[in-house]
Amino acid sequence: MPVEGREYINLLFKVEEEIESLSFEEKKMKRQEASKPILDAFWSWIEKTAAMHTTNENLTKALTYAVNQKKDLETFLEDGRIPLSNNLCEANIKPFATARRAWLFADTPKGARANAILYTLVESARANHLDVYEYLKYLLEEMPNNNHLQHPELLDQYLPWSKELPDRCRLTIKHKKCLKK
């Protein structure tokens, strides 16, 4: 019985593979065309399967989770920028989760928040192919001197995906394979 549910998920990932190189708007349209019917069939399977009696606690737990998270699990249909799964995110935060006990200052809520902000900046910079050191250096040089507290819209130009970032922040050299994620 769980095999059928997995097949629906595999079909969704197959669609994602096929549309990987499309623009965000094209992805959204293709997802509406191709992924939505698969997802509708998946939800029908969930309802049918959840109505059956089973002694498989893990299956029951998974079905209940899916039903409770349905709205959130469908958000990828609404925006081509949203990935189908959070696998990449989870892979990127794994070192954070496993190393957090060893980090200085993470034993307080303020320390944990500071670590989370810094980690988000670093991973966002990496995801946008920025030189992390140069990007953080740029932020530390520029942020105290801009008027972002009175004009929050100024922050857009400092975000890792901003086209307004200086070239020195962009990654121009290839790092050794062992250093690259």
N, C-alpha and C. Protein backbone atom coordinates (compact mmCIF):
# COMPACT_ATOMS: atom_id res chain seq x y z
N MET A 1 0.80 -1.20 0.00
CA MET A 1 0.00 0.00 0.00
C MET A 1 0.85 1.28 0.00
N PRO A 2 1.90 1.42 0.86
CA PRO A 2 2.74 2.62 0.84
C PRO A 2 3.49 2.79 -0.48
N VAL A 3 3.68 1.69 -1.22
CA VAL A 3 4.40 1.76 -2.49
C VAL A 3 3.67 2.68 -3.47
N GLU A 4 2.35 2.61 -3.49
CA GLU A 4 1.57 3.45 -4.39
C GLU A 4 1.78 4.94 -4.07
N GLY A 5 1.79 5.29 -2.80
CA GLY A 5 2.04 6.67 -2.39
C GLY A 5 3.42 7.14 -2.82
N ARG A 6 4.40 6.28 -2.67
CA ARG A 6 5.77 6.61 -3.08
C ARG A 6 5.85 6.83 -4.59
N GLU A 7 5.07 6.06 -5.35
CA GLU A 7 5.07 6.22 -6.80
C GLU A 7 4.57 7.61 -7.19
N TYR A 8 3.56 8.13 -6.51
CA TYR A 8 3.09 9.48 -6.77
C TYR A 8 4.20 10.50 -6.51
N ILE A 9 4.88 10.32 -5.40
CA ILE A 9 5.98 11.23 -5.04
C ILE A 9 7.08 11.16 -6.10
N ASN A 10 7.42 9.95 -6.54
CA ASN A 10 8.44 9.79 -7.58
C ASN A 10 8.03 10.49 -8.87
N LEU A 11 6.76 10.45 -9.20
CA LEU A 11 6.27 11.15 -10.40
C LEU A 11 6.44 12.66 -10.26
N LEU A 12 6.18 13.18 -9.06
CA LEU A 12 6.36 14.61 -8.83
C LEU A 12 7.83 15.01 -9.00
N PHE A 13 8.73 14.19 -8.49
CA PHE A 13 10.15 14.47 -8.64
C PHE A 13 10.59 14.37 -10.11
N LYS A 14 9.98 13.47 -10.84
CA LYS A 14 10.28 13.34 -12.27
C LYS A 14 9.88 14.60 -13.03
N VAL A 15 8.71 15.14 -12.70
CA VAL A 15 8.28 16.40 -13.32
C VAL A 15 9.29 17.50 -12.99
N GLU A 16 9.73 17.56 -11.73
CA GLU A 16 10.70 18.57 -11.32
C GLU A 16 12.01 18.45 -12.11
N GLU A 17 12.44 17.23 -12.34
CA GLU A 17 13.65 17.01 -13.14
C GLU A 17 13.47 17.56 -14.54
N GLU A 18 12.31 17.34 -15.12
CA GLU A 18 12.03 17.77 -16.49
C GLU A 18 11.94 19.29 -16.63
N ILE A 19 11.52 19.97 -15.58
CA ILE A 19 11.33 21.43 -15.67
C ILE A 19 12.46 22.21 -14.99
N GLU A 20 13.49 21.52 -14.59
CA GLU A 20 14.58 22.13 -13.82
C GLU A 20 15.16 23.39 -14.47
N SER A 21 15.31 23.40 -15.79
CA SER A 21 15.97 24.51 -16.47
C SER A 21 15.02 25.64 -16.87
N LEU A 22 13.75 25.52 -16.55
CA LEU A 22 12.78 26.55 -16.94
C LEU A 22 12.83 27.75 -16.00
N SER A 23 12.29 28.87 -16.46
CA SER A 23 12.19 30.05 -15.60
C SER A 23 11.17 29.76 -14.50
N PHE A 24 11.18 30.60 -13.48
CA PHE A 24 10.27 30.39 -12.35
C PHE A 24 8.81 30.43 -12.79
N GLU A 25 8.48 31.35 -13.69
CA GLU A 25 7.09 31.46 -14.16
C GLU A 25 6.71 30.24 -14.99
N GLU A 26 7.63 29.77 -15.83
CA GLU A 26 7.36 28.57 -16.63
C GLU A 26 7.21 27.34 -15.73
N LYS A 27 8.03 27.26 -14.69
CA LYS A 27 7.92 26.15 -13.74
C LYS A 27 6.55 26.14 -13.10
N LYS A 28 6.09 27.31 -12.69
CA LYS A 28 4.77 27.41 -12.06
C LYS A 28 3.70 26.88 -13.01
N MET A 29 3.75 27.30 -14.26
CA MET A 29 2.74 26.87 -15.23
C MET A 29 2.81 25.36 -15.47
N LYS A 30 4.02 24.81 -15.62
CA LYS A 30 4.19 23.37 -15.86
C LYS A 30 3.75 22.56 -14.64
N ARG A 31 4.00 23.10 -13.46
CA ARG A 31 3.56 22.41 -12.26
C ARG A 31 2.03 22.34 -12.21
N GLN A 32 1.39 23.43 -12.62
CA GLN A 32 -0.08 23.43 -12.65
C GLN A 32 -0.59 22.39 -13.64
N GLU A 33 0.10 22.28 -14.77
CA GLU A 33 -0.30 21.32 -15.81
C GLU A 33 0.00 19.87 -15.43
N ALA A 34 1.23 19.63 -14.99
CA ALA A 34 1.69 18.26 -14.79
C ALA A 34 1.64 17.77 -13.35
N SER A 35 2.07 18.61 -12.41
CA SER A 35 2.17 18.17 -11.01
C SER A 35 0.82 18.19 -10.30
N LYS A 36 0.00 19.16 -10.60
CA LYS A 36 -1.30 19.27 -9.90
C LYS A 36 -2.14 18.01 -10.05
N PRO A 37 -2.29 17.45 -11.28
CA PRO A 37 -3.08 16.21 -11.38
C PRO A 37 -2.48 15.03 -10.60
N ILE A 38 -1.15 14.97 -10.56
CA ILE A 38 -0.48 13.91 -9.79
C ILE A 38 -0.78 14.11 -8.30
N LEU A 39 -0.68 15.36 -7.88
CA LEU A 39 -0.94 15.68 -6.48
C LEU A 39 -2.39 15.40 -6.11
N ASP A 40 -3.31 15.72 -7.00
CA ASP A 40 -4.72 15.42 -6.75
C ASP A 40 -4.95 13.92 -6.59
N ALA A 41 -4.29 13.13 -7.44
CA ALA A 41 -4.40 11.67 -7.34
C ALA A 41 -3.78 11.18 -6.02
N PHE A 42 -2.69 11.80 -5.62
CA PHE A 42 -2.03 11.46 -4.36
C PHE A 42 -2.96 11.72 -3.18
N TRP A 43 -3.64 12.89 -3.18
CA TRP A 43 -4.55 13.20 -2.08
C TRP A 43 -5.73 12.24 -2.05
N SER A 44 -6.20 11.83 -3.22
CA SER A 44 -7.28 10.84 -3.27
C SER A 44 -6.82 9.52 -2.67
N TRP A 45 -5.60 9.13 -3.01
CA TRP A 45 -5.03 7.90 -2.45
C TRP A 45 -4.90 8.03 -0.93
N ILE A 46 -4.45 9.19 -0.46
CA ILE A 46 -4.31 9.44 0.98
C ILE A 46 -5.66 9.25 1.67
N GLU A 47 -6.70 9.90 1.13
CA GLU A 47 -8.04 9.81 1.74
C GLU A 47 -8.53 8.36 1.77
N LYS A 48 -8.37 7.67 0.65
CA LYS A 48 -8.82 6.28 0.55
C LYS A 48 -8.05 5.39 1.54
N THR A 49 -6.76 5.58 1.60
CA THR A 49 -5.91 4.75 2.45
C THR A 49 -6.14 5.08 3.94
N ALA A 50 -6.31 6.36 4.25
CA ALA A 50 -6.53 6.76 5.64
C ALA A 50 -7.86 6.21 6.17
N ALA A 51 -8.83 6.00 5.29
CA ALA A 51 -10.14 5.49 5.70
C ALA A 51 -10.10 4.00 6.02
N MET A 52 -9.05 3.32 5.57
CA MET A 52 -8.93 1.87 5.81
C MET A 52 -8.30 1.62 7.18
N HIS A 53 -8.66 0.54 7.79
CA HIS A 53 -8.05 0.16 9.07
C HIS A 53 -6.68 -0.48 8.79
N THR A 54 -5.68 -0.04 9.54
CA THR A 54 -4.35 -0.63 9.41
C THR A 54 -3.68 -0.71 10.78
N THR A 55 -2.82 -1.68 10.93
CA THR A 55 -2.05 -1.81 12.16
C THR A 55 -0.66 -1.20 12.00
N ASN A 56 -0.39 -0.71 10.80
CA ASN A 56 0.92 -0.10 10.51
C ASN A 56 0.92 1.34 11.07
N GLU A 57 1.52 1.50 12.25
CA GLU A 57 1.53 2.80 12.92
C GLU A 57 2.28 3.85 12.13
N ASN A 58 3.38 3.45 11.48
CA ASN A 58 4.15 4.42 10.70
C ASN A 58 3.35 4.95 9.52
N LEU A 59 2.61 4.08 8.87
CA LEU A 59 1.76 4.51 7.76
C LEU A 59 0.67 5.46 8.27
N THR A 60 0.05 5.12 9.37
CA THR A 60 -0.98 5.97 9.95
C THR A 60 -0.42 7.34 10.29
N LYS A 61 0.77 7.36 10.89
CA LYS A 61 1.43 8.61 11.26
C LYS A 61 1.74 9.45 10.00
N ALA A 62 2.25 8.81 8.96
CA ALA A 62 2.59 9.51 7.71
C ALA A 62 1.34 10.07 7.04
N LEU A 63 0.27 9.30 7.02
CA LEU A 63 -0.98 9.77 6.40
C LEU A 63 -1.55 10.96 7.17
N THR A 64 -1.54 10.86 8.48
CA THR A 64 -2.03 11.95 9.32
C THR A 64 -1.20 13.21 9.11
N TYR A 65 0.11 13.04 9.06
CA TYR A 65 1.01 14.18 8.82
C TYR A 65 0.68 14.84 7.48
N ALA A 66 0.54 14.03 6.43
CA ALA A 66 0.25 14.56 5.10
C ALA A 66 -1.05 15.35 5.09
N VAL A 67 -2.08 14.78 5.69
CA VAL A 67 -3.38 15.47 5.73
C VAL A 67 -3.26 16.79 6.49
N ASN A 68 -2.57 16.78 7.62
CA ASN A 68 -2.42 17.99 8.43
C ASN A 68 -1.57 19.06 7.76
N GLN A 69 -0.68 18.64 6.87
CA GLN A 69 0.24 19.58 6.21
C GLN A 69 -0.12 19.84 4.75
N LYS A 70 -1.30 19.43 4.34
CA LYS A 70 -1.69 19.50 2.93
C LYS A 70 -1.45 20.89 2.33
N LYS A 71 -1.92 21.92 2.99
CA LYS A 71 -1.78 23.28 2.46
C LYS A 71 -0.31 23.62 2.24
N ASP A 72 0.52 23.34 3.22
CA ASP A 72 1.95 23.65 3.10
C ASP A 72 2.64 22.78 2.05
N LEU A 73 2.22 21.53 1.95
CA LEU A 73 2.84 20.62 0.99
C LEU A 73 2.49 20.99 -0.45
N GLU A 74 1.47 21.81 -0.65
CA GLU A 74 1.07 22.21 -1.99
C GLU A 74 1.62 23.57 -2.40
N THR A 75 2.34 24.25 -1.53
CA THR A 75 2.80 25.61 -1.86
C THR A 75 3.74 25.65 -3.06
N PHE A 76 4.44 24.57 -3.34
CA PHE A 76 5.35 24.58 -4.49
C PHE A 76 4.61 24.81 -5.80
N LEU A 77 3.30 24.53 -5.83
CA LEU A 77 2.49 24.75 -7.04
C LEU A 77 2.28 26.24 -7.31
N GLU A 78 2.35 27.05 -6.28
CA GLU A 78 2.02 28.47 -6.36
C GLU A 78 3.17 29.35 -6.81
N ASP A 79 4.40 28.85 -6.71
CA ASP A 79 5.56 29.69 -6.99
C ASP A 79 6.69 28.83 -7.53
N GLY A 80 7.17 29.15 -8.70
CA GLY A 80 8.24 28.37 -9.33
C GLY A 80 9.57 28.42 -8.60
N ARG A 81 9.70 29.35 -7.67
CA ARG A 81 10.95 29.45 -6.90
C ARG A 81 11.00 28.46 -5.75
N ILE A 82 9.85 27.96 -5.34
CA ILE A 82 9.79 27.06 -4.19
C ILE A 82 10.12 25.64 -4.66
N PRO A 83 11.10 25.01 -4.04
CA PRO A 83 11.43 23.64 -4.45
C PRO A 83 10.37 22.64 -3.99
N LEU A 84 10.31 21.52 -4.66
CA LEU A 84 9.36 20.46 -4.30
C LEU A 84 9.63 19.94 -2.90
N SER A 85 10.89 19.79 -2.56
CA SER A 85 11.23 19.27 -1.23
C SER A 85 12.22 20.20 -0.55
N ASN A 86 12.43 19.98 0.71
CA ASN A 86 13.42 20.76 1.45
C ASN A 86 14.72 19.98 1.63
N ASN A 87 14.97 19.01 0.77
CA ASN A 87 16.18 18.19 0.90
C ASN A 87 17.46 19.02 0.87
N LEU A 88 17.53 20.00 -0.04
CA LEU A 88 18.72 20.84 -0.13
C LEU A 88 18.90 21.64 1.15
N CYS A 89 17.82 22.18 1.64
CA CYS A 89 17.86 22.96 2.89
C CYS A 89 18.33 22.07 4.05
N GLU A 90 17.77 20.89 4.15
CA GLU A 90 18.15 19.99 5.24
C GLU A 90 19.61 19.57 5.14
N ALA A 91 20.08 19.34 3.92
CA ALA A 91 21.48 18.97 3.74
C ALA A 91 22.39 20.13 4.16
N ASN A 92 21.95 21.35 3.89
CA ASN A 92 22.76 22.51 4.25
C ASN A 92 22.75 22.81 5.74
N ILE A 93 21.66 22.49 6.43
CA ILE A 93 21.63 22.80 7.86
C ILE A 93 22.14 21.66 8.73
N LYS A 94 22.40 20.52 8.12
CA LYS A 94 22.88 19.38 8.92
C LYS A 94 24.14 19.72 9.71
N PRO A 95 25.17 20.35 9.07
CA PRO A 95 26.36 20.70 9.88
C PRO A 95 26.02 21.64 11.03
N PHE A 96 25.09 22.54 10.80
CA PHE A 96 24.65 23.47 11.84
C PHE A 96 24.03 22.70 13.00
N ALA A 97 23.15 21.78 12.68
CA ALA A 97 22.45 21.02 13.71
C ALA A 97 23.40 20.12 14.49
N THR A 98 24.37 19.52 13.81
CA THR A 98 25.27 18.61 14.50
C THR A 98 26.37 19.33 15.28
N ALA A 99 26.68 20.55 14.89
CA ALA A 99 27.79 21.27 15.56
C ALA A 99 27.31 22.29 16.58
N ARG A 100 26.02 22.52 16.67
CA ARG A 100 25.54 23.63 17.50
C ARG A 100 25.93 23.53 18.97
N ARG A 101 26.09 22.34 19.48
CA ARG A 101 26.45 22.20 20.89
C ARG A 101 27.86 22.74 21.18
N ALA A 102 28.69 22.72 20.17
CA ALA A 102 30.07 23.15 20.38
C ALA A 102 30.25 24.65 20.19
N TRP A 103 29.24 25.35 19.73
CA TRP A 103 29.41 26.76 19.41
C TRP A 103 29.28 27.65 20.64
N LEU A 104 30.18 28.57 20.72
CA LEU A 104 30.19 29.53 21.79
C LEU A 104 28.97 30.45 21.65
N PHE A 105 28.36 30.79 22.72
CA PHE A 105 27.22 31.71 22.82
C PHE A 105 25.89 31.13 22.35
N ALA A 106 25.86 29.91 21.86
CA ALA A 106 24.59 29.35 21.40
C ALA A 106 23.76 28.81 22.56
N ASP A 107 24.25 29.00 23.78
CA ASP A 107 23.53 28.47 24.94
C ASP A 107 22.49 29.45 25.49
N THR A 108 22.31 30.58 24.82
CA THR A 108 21.28 31.53 25.21
C THR A 108 20.39 31.80 24.00
N PRO A 109 19.17 32.26 24.22
CA PRO A 109 18.31 32.59 23.07
C PRO A 109 18.93 33.65 22.15
N LYS A 110 19.58 34.66 22.74
CA LYS A 110 20.23 35.69 21.91
C LYS A 110 21.39 35.11 21.12
N GLY A 111 22.14 34.22 21.75
CA GLY A 111 23.27 33.59 21.06
C GLY A 111 22.78 32.68 19.94
N ALA A 112 21.73 31.94 20.21
CA ALA A 112 21.17 31.06 19.18
C ALA A 112 20.64 31.88 18.02
N ARG A 113 20.00 33.00 18.31
CA ARG A 113 19.47 33.87 17.25
C ARG A 113 20.63 34.45 16.42
N ALA A 114 21.68 34.89 17.10
CA ALA A 114 22.85 35.43 16.38
C ALA A 114 23.46 34.37 15.48
N ASN A 115 23.59 33.14 16.00
CA ASN A 115 24.13 32.05 15.18
C ASN A 115 23.23 31.77 13.98
N ALA A 116 21.92 31.78 14.19
CA ALA A 116 20.97 31.51 13.10
C ALA A 116 21.06 32.58 12.03
N ILE A 117 21.18 33.84 12.44
CA ILE A 117 21.30 34.93 11.47
C ILE A 117 22.59 34.79 10.67
N LEU A 118 23.67 34.55 11.36
CA LEU A 118 24.96 34.41 10.66
C LEU A 118 24.94 33.20 9.73
N TYR A 119 24.42 32.10 10.21
CA TYR A 119 24.35 30.89 9.39
C TYR A 119 23.50 31.12 8.15
N THR A 120 22.38 31.82 8.32
CA THR A 120 21.50 32.14 7.18
C THR A 120 22.23 33.01 6.17
N LEU A 121 22.96 33.99 6.64
CA LEU A 121 23.73 34.85 5.73
C LEU A 121 24.77 34.05 4.96
N VAL A 122 25.49 33.20 5.66
CA VAL A 122 26.55 32.40 5.02
C VAL A 122 25.96 31.45 3.99
N GLU A 123 24.93 30.72 4.36
CA GLU A 123 24.34 29.74 3.43
C GLU A 123 23.64 30.42 2.26
N SER A 124 23.02 31.56 2.50
CA SER A 124 22.39 32.30 1.40
C SER A 124 23.44 32.83 0.44
N ALA A 125 24.55 33.29 0.98
CA ALA A 125 25.64 33.76 0.12
C ALA A 125 26.19 32.60 -0.71
N ARG A 126 26.39 31.47 -0.09
CA ARG A 126 26.89 30.30 -0.83
C ARG A 126 25.92 29.87 -1.92
N ALA A 127 24.62 29.86 -1.58
CA ALA A 127 23.61 29.45 -2.55
C ALA A 127 23.53 30.40 -3.75
N ASN A 128 23.95 31.65 -3.54
CA ASN A 128 23.92 32.64 -4.61
C ASN A 128 25.30 32.88 -5.22
N HIS A 129 26.21 31.93 -4.99
CA HIS A 129 27.54 31.94 -5.59
C HIS A 129 28.34 33.21 -5.26
N LEU A 130 28.28 33.58 -3.99
CA LEU A 130 29.05 34.72 -3.52
C LEU A 130 30.27 34.23 -2.76
N ASP A 131 31.29 35.06 -2.75
CA ASP A 131 32.45 34.82 -1.91
C ASP A 131 32.00 35.21 -0.50
N VAL A 132 31.85 34.26 0.36
CA VAL A 132 31.24 34.50 1.68
C VAL A 132 32.03 35.54 2.47
N TYR A 133 33.34 35.40 2.47
CA TYR A 133 34.17 36.35 3.21
C TYR A 133 33.96 37.77 2.69
N GLU A 134 34.05 37.96 1.38
CA GLU A 134 33.89 39.29 0.79
C GLU A 134 32.49 39.84 1.02
N TYR A 135 31.50 38.98 0.94
CA TYR A 135 30.12 39.42 1.14
C TYR A 135 29.91 39.88 2.58
N LEU A 136 30.35 39.10 3.55
CA LEU A 136 30.20 39.50 4.95
C LEU A 136 31.00 40.76 5.26
N LYS A 137 32.19 40.84 4.69
CA LYS A 137 33.02 42.04 4.87
C LYS A 137 32.29 43.26 4.31
N TYR A 138 31.71 43.12 3.12
CA TYR A 138 30.94 44.20 2.50
C TYR A 138 29.77 44.61 3.39
N LEU A 139 29.03 43.65 3.91
CA LEU A 139 27.91 43.98 4.79
C LEU A 139 28.36 44.73 6.03
N LEU A 140 29.46 44.26 6.63
CA LEU A 140 29.95 44.90 7.85
C LEU A 140 30.48 46.30 7.59
N GLU A 141 30.98 46.53 6.38
CA GLU A 141 31.46 47.87 6.02
C GLU A 141 30.30 48.81 5.68
N GLU A 142 29.30 48.30 4.99
CA GLU A 142 28.23 49.14 4.46
C GLU A 142 27.03 49.34 5.39
N MET A 143 26.65 48.33 6.09
CA MET A 143 25.41 48.41 6.87
C MET A 143 25.42 49.50 7.95
N PRO A 144 26.51 49.72 8.67
CA PRO A 144 26.46 50.78 9.68
C PRO A 144 26.26 52.18 9.09
N ASN A 145 26.61 52.35 7.82
CA ASN A 145 26.59 53.68 7.21
C ASN A 145 25.35 53.95 6.38
N ASN A 146 24.51 52.96 6.16
CA ASN A 146 23.31 53.24 5.38
C ASN A 146 22.17 53.58 6.33
N ASN A 147 21.08 54.02 5.81
CA ASN A 147 19.97 54.48 6.63
C ASN A 147 18.84 53.45 6.62
N HIS A 148 19.18 52.15 6.77
CA HIS A 148 18.19 51.08 6.60
C HIS A 148 17.14 51.02 7.71
N LEU A 149 17.43 51.55 8.86
CA LEU A 149 16.42 51.53 9.93
C LEU A 149 15.27 52.47 9.61
N GLN A 150 15.58 53.60 8.99
CA GLN A 150 14.53 54.54 8.59
C GLN A 150 13.95 54.18 7.22
N HIS A 151 14.74 53.50 6.39
CA HIS A 151 14.33 53.13 5.03
C HIS A 151 14.62 51.65 4.80
N PRO A 152 13.77 50.76 5.31
CA PRO A 152 14.01 49.30 5.20
C PRO A 152 14.12 48.81 3.76
N GLU A 153 13.55 49.55 2.81
CA GLU A 153 13.64 49.14 1.40
C GLU A 153 15.08 49.14 0.90
N LEU A 154 15.97 49.83 1.59
CA LEU A 154 17.39 49.83 1.21
C LEU A 154 18.02 48.46 1.38
N LEU A 155 17.44 47.64 2.25
CA LEU A 155 18.02 46.31 2.52
C LEU A 155 18.03 45.42 1.29
N ASP A 156 17.10 45.64 0.36
CA ASP A 156 17.03 44.80 -0.84
C ASP A 156 18.36 44.75 -1.60
N GLN A 157 19.07 45.87 -1.65
CA GLN A 157 20.32 45.91 -2.41
C GLN A 157 21.46 45.14 -1.73
N TYR A 158 21.26 44.74 -0.50
CA TYR A 158 22.29 44.00 0.23
C TYR A 158 22.01 42.50 0.31
N LEU A 159 20.86 42.08 -0.18
CA LEU A 159 20.51 40.66 -0.13
C LEU A 159 21.41 39.86 -1.06
N PRO A 160 21.67 38.60 -0.74
CA PRO A 160 22.63 37.79 -1.52
C PRO A 160 22.30 37.65 -3.01
N TRP A 161 21.04 37.80 -3.38
CA TRP A 161 20.65 37.65 -4.78
C TRP A 161 20.56 39.00 -5.50
N SER A 162 20.91 40.08 -4.82
CA SER A 162 20.82 41.40 -5.43
C SER A 162 21.82 41.56 -6.56
N LYS A 163 21.38 42.14 -7.65
CA LYS A 163 22.26 42.44 -8.79
C LYS A 163 23.15 43.65 -8.49
N GLU A 164 22.83 44.38 -7.42
CA GLU A 164 23.57 45.59 -7.06
C GLU A 164 24.82 45.33 -6.22
N LEU A 165 25.05 44.09 -5.83
CA LEU A 165 26.25 43.78 -5.04
C LEU A 165 27.49 44.04 -5.89
N PRO A 166 28.57 44.50 -5.26
CA PRO A 166 29.80 44.73 -6.03
C PRO A 166 30.41 43.41 -6.52
N ASP A 167 31.16 43.50 -7.60
CA ASP A 167 31.78 42.31 -8.19
C ASP A 167 32.69 41.57 -7.21
N ARG A 168 33.29 42.30 -6.28
CA ARG A 168 34.21 41.64 -5.33
C ARG A 168 33.48 40.60 -4.48
N CYS A 169 32.16 40.72 -4.37
CA CYS A 169 31.38 39.76 -3.58
C CYS A 169 31.06 38.50 -4.38
N ARG A 170 31.21 38.56 -5.67
CA ARG A 170 30.86 37.42 -6.52
C ARG A 170 32.00 36.40 -6.55
N LEU A 171 31.64 35.15 -6.56
CA LEU A 171 32.62 34.08 -6.61
C LEU A 171 33.15 33.97 -8.04
N THR A 172 34.44 34.19 -8.19
CA THR A 172 35.01 34.16 -9.54
C THR A 172 35.98 33.02 -9.75
N ILE A 173 36.46 32.44 -8.65
CA ILE A 173 37.41 31.33 -8.81
C ILE A 173 36.75 30.04 -8.37
N LYS A 174 37.20 28.97 -8.94
CA LYS A 174 36.71 27.65 -8.55
C LYS A 174 37.54 27.17 -7.38
N HIS A 175 36.85 26.74 -6.33
CA HIS A 175 37.55 26.19 -5.18
C HIS A 175 37.82 24.70 -5.41
N LYS A 176 38.75 24.20 -4.66
CA LYS A 176 39.02 22.77 -4.73
C LYS A 176 37.74 22.01 -4.41
N LYS A 177 37.55 20.88 -5.05
CA LYS A 177 36.33 20.10 -4.91
C LYS A 177 36.00 19.80 -3.44
N CYS A 178 37.02 19.54 -2.65
CA CYS A 178 36.78 19.18 -1.25
C CYS A 178 36.25 20.36 -0.43
N LEU A 179 36.47 21.60 -0.90
CA LEU A 179 36.01 22.77 -0.17
C LEU A 179 34.66 23.26 -0.65
N LYS A 180 34.23 22.77 -1.77
CA LYS A 180 32.98 23.24 -2.38
C LYS A 180 31.82 22.34 -1.98
N LYS A 181 30.70 22.96 -1.68
CA LYS A 181 29.50 22.18 -1.34
C LYS A 181 28.54 22.21 -2.49
